[in-house]
Protein backbone atom coordinates (compact mmCIF):
# COMPACT_ATOMS: atom_id res chain seq x y z
CA UNK A 1 22.74 5.76 -6.78
CA UNK A 2 22.15 2.60 -8.47
CA UNK A 3 22.15 0.80 -5.30
CA UNK A 4 19.35 3.05 -4.25
CA UNK A 5 17.28 2.10 -7.37
CA UNK A 6 17.44 -1.39 -6.80
CA UNK A 7 14.37 -3.60 -7.85
CA UNK A 8 14.97 -5.79 -4.63
CA UNK A 9 15.65 -2.49 -2.49
CA UNK A 10 12.39 -0.61 -3.61
CA UNK A 11 9.53 -1.72 -1.57
CA UNK A 12 5.82 -1.46 -1.98
CA UNK A 13 3.54 -1.66 1.11
CA UNK A 14 0.38 -3.37 0.78
CA UNK A 15 -2.46 -2.62 2.98
CA UNK A 16 -5.63 -5.17 2.34
CA UNK A 17 -8.73 -4.80 5.36
CA UNK A 18 -12.28 -5.72 5.42
CA UNK A 19 -13.88 -3.57 7.90
CA UNK A 20 -17.29 -3.64 9.10
CA UNK A 21 -19.86 -1.06 7.84
CA UNK A 22 -23.35 -2.12 9.62
CA UNK A 23 -23.44 0.70 12.05
CA UNK A 24 -22.71 4.60 11.21
CA UNK A 25 -19.79 4.43 13.79
CA UNK A 26 -18.35 1.55 11.76
CA UNK A 27 -18.83 3.36 8.19
CA UNK A 28 -17.08 6.40 10.08
CA UNK A 29 -14.27 4.33 11.14
CA UNK A 30 -13.86 2.74 7.50
CA UNK A 31 -13.82 6.35 6.26
CA UNK A 32 -11.32 7.78 8.66
CA UNK A 33 -9.00 4.77 8.09
CA UNK A 34 -8.86 5.02 4.18
CA UNK A 35 -8.66 8.60 4.39
CA UNK A 36 -5.74 8.58 6.85
CA UNK A 37 -3.70 6.08 4.70
CA UNK A 38 -4.26 8.24 1.58
CA UNK A 39 -3.08 10.94 3.26
CA UNK A 40 0.18 8.93 3.70
CA UNK A 41 0.25 8.40 0.40
CA UNK A 42 -1.37 4.88 -0.18
CA UNK A 43 -3.38 4.57 -3.34
CA UNK A 44 -6.30 2.39 -4.04
CA UNK A 45 -5.37 -0.59 -6.13
CA UNK A 46 -8.38 -2.43 -5.81
CA UNK A 47 -11.49 -2.04 -3.17
CA UNK A 48 -10.00 -2.54 0.13
CA UNK A 49 -6.60 -2.88 -1.12
CA UNK A 50 -4.24 0.47 -1.13
CA UNK A 51 -0.35 0.41 -2.36
CA UNK A 52 2.23 2.65 -1.36
CA UNK A 53 5.98 3.04 -3.49
CA UNK A 54 9.07 3.18 -0.61
CA UNK A 55 12.50 4.00 -1.58
CA UNK A 56 13.62 1.37 0.59
CA UNK A 57 12.95 -1.16 3.50
CA UNK A 58 13.43 1.36 6.05
CA UNK A 59 10.97 4.14 4.53
CA UNK A 60 8.35 1.32 4.08
CA UNK A 61 8.80 0.69 8.07
CA UNK A 62 7.89 4.03 8.67
CA UNK A 63 4.87 3.79 6.54
CA UNK A 64 3.83 0.32 8.23
CA UNK A 65 4.36 1.73 11.72
CA UNK A 66 1.90 4.65 10.58
CA UNK A 67 -0.84 2.22 9.87
CA UNK A 68 -0.23 0.34 12.65
CA UNK A 69 -1.30 3.72 14.34
CA UNK A 70 -4.23 4.62 12.83
CA UNK A 71 -6.03 0.84 13.06
CA UNK A 72 -9.48 0.57 13.72
CA UNK A 73 -10.83 -1.12 16.66
CA UNK A 74 -12.92 -3.68 14.68
CA UNK A 75 -12.09 -5.49 11.29
CA UNK A 76 -9.57 -7.53 10.05
CA UNK A 77 -6.38 -5.35 8.06
CA UNK A 78 -3.47 -7.02 6.56
CA UNK A 79 0.20 -5.21 5.57
CA UNK A 80 2.43 -6.92 3.29
CA UNK A 81 5.81 -5.55 2.33
CA UNK A 82 7.51 -7.12 -1.15
CA UNK A 83 9.89 -5.48 -2.82
CA UNK A 84 9.86 -3.93 -6.77
CA UNK A 85 11.11 -6.91 -8.14
CA UNK A 86 8.41 -8.96 -6.92
CA UNK A 87 5.68 -6.38 -7.37
CA UNK A 88 6.76 -6.62 -11.50
CA UNK A 89 6.07 -10.23 -11.54
CA UNK A 90 2.33 -9.86 -10.47
CA UNK A 91 0.16 -10.64 -12.91
CA UNK A 92 -3.03 -8.64 -13.07
CA UNK A 93 -6.33 -9.46 -15.27
CA UNK A 94 -9.61 -7.87 -16.05
CA UNK A 95 -11.44 -10.59 -17.14
CA UNK A 96 -9.46 -12.86 -19.07
CA UNK A 97 -7.43 -10.04 -20.48
CA UNK A 98 -3.95 -9.13 -18.92
CA UNK A 99 -3.53 -5.38 -17.70
CA UNK A 100 -0.05 -4.06 -17.33
CA UNK A 101 1.13 -4.00 -13.72
CA UNK A 102 1.88 -0.17 -12.56
CA UNK A 103 5.14 0.86 -12.99
CA UNK A 104 7.55 2.39 -10.29
CA UNK A 105 7.68 5.85 -9.20
CA UNK A 106 10.86 7.67 -9.37
CA UNK A 107 11.46 9.55 -6.76
CA UNK A 108 14.41 11.72 -6.66
CA UNK A 109 15.99 12.30 -3.51
CA UNK A 110 17.77 15.34 -2.57
CA UNK A 111 20.84 15.50 -0.22
């Protein structure tokens, strides 16, 4: 059980994007992409940057594949997977004030 919750095994998937919004069609594609990644469990970390906690590398790959299937035709999208340990070493600031890094979601697994 400990190995399953190991900070080097738990993964975070970060999706960051810059999508065009000049036309009505572009705005619809932007809104649809955002809606679909949120439906898959991603949460906004910053504007145009969404994160999702995954219990393993294999689980992270499933969600990366889902994002790849819904990529819009235009724009710039980046997908990054990092370990929980790496995520926990992030320094976040609001102005010059340090902000606490979001805590890892503990998920129970049923066998």
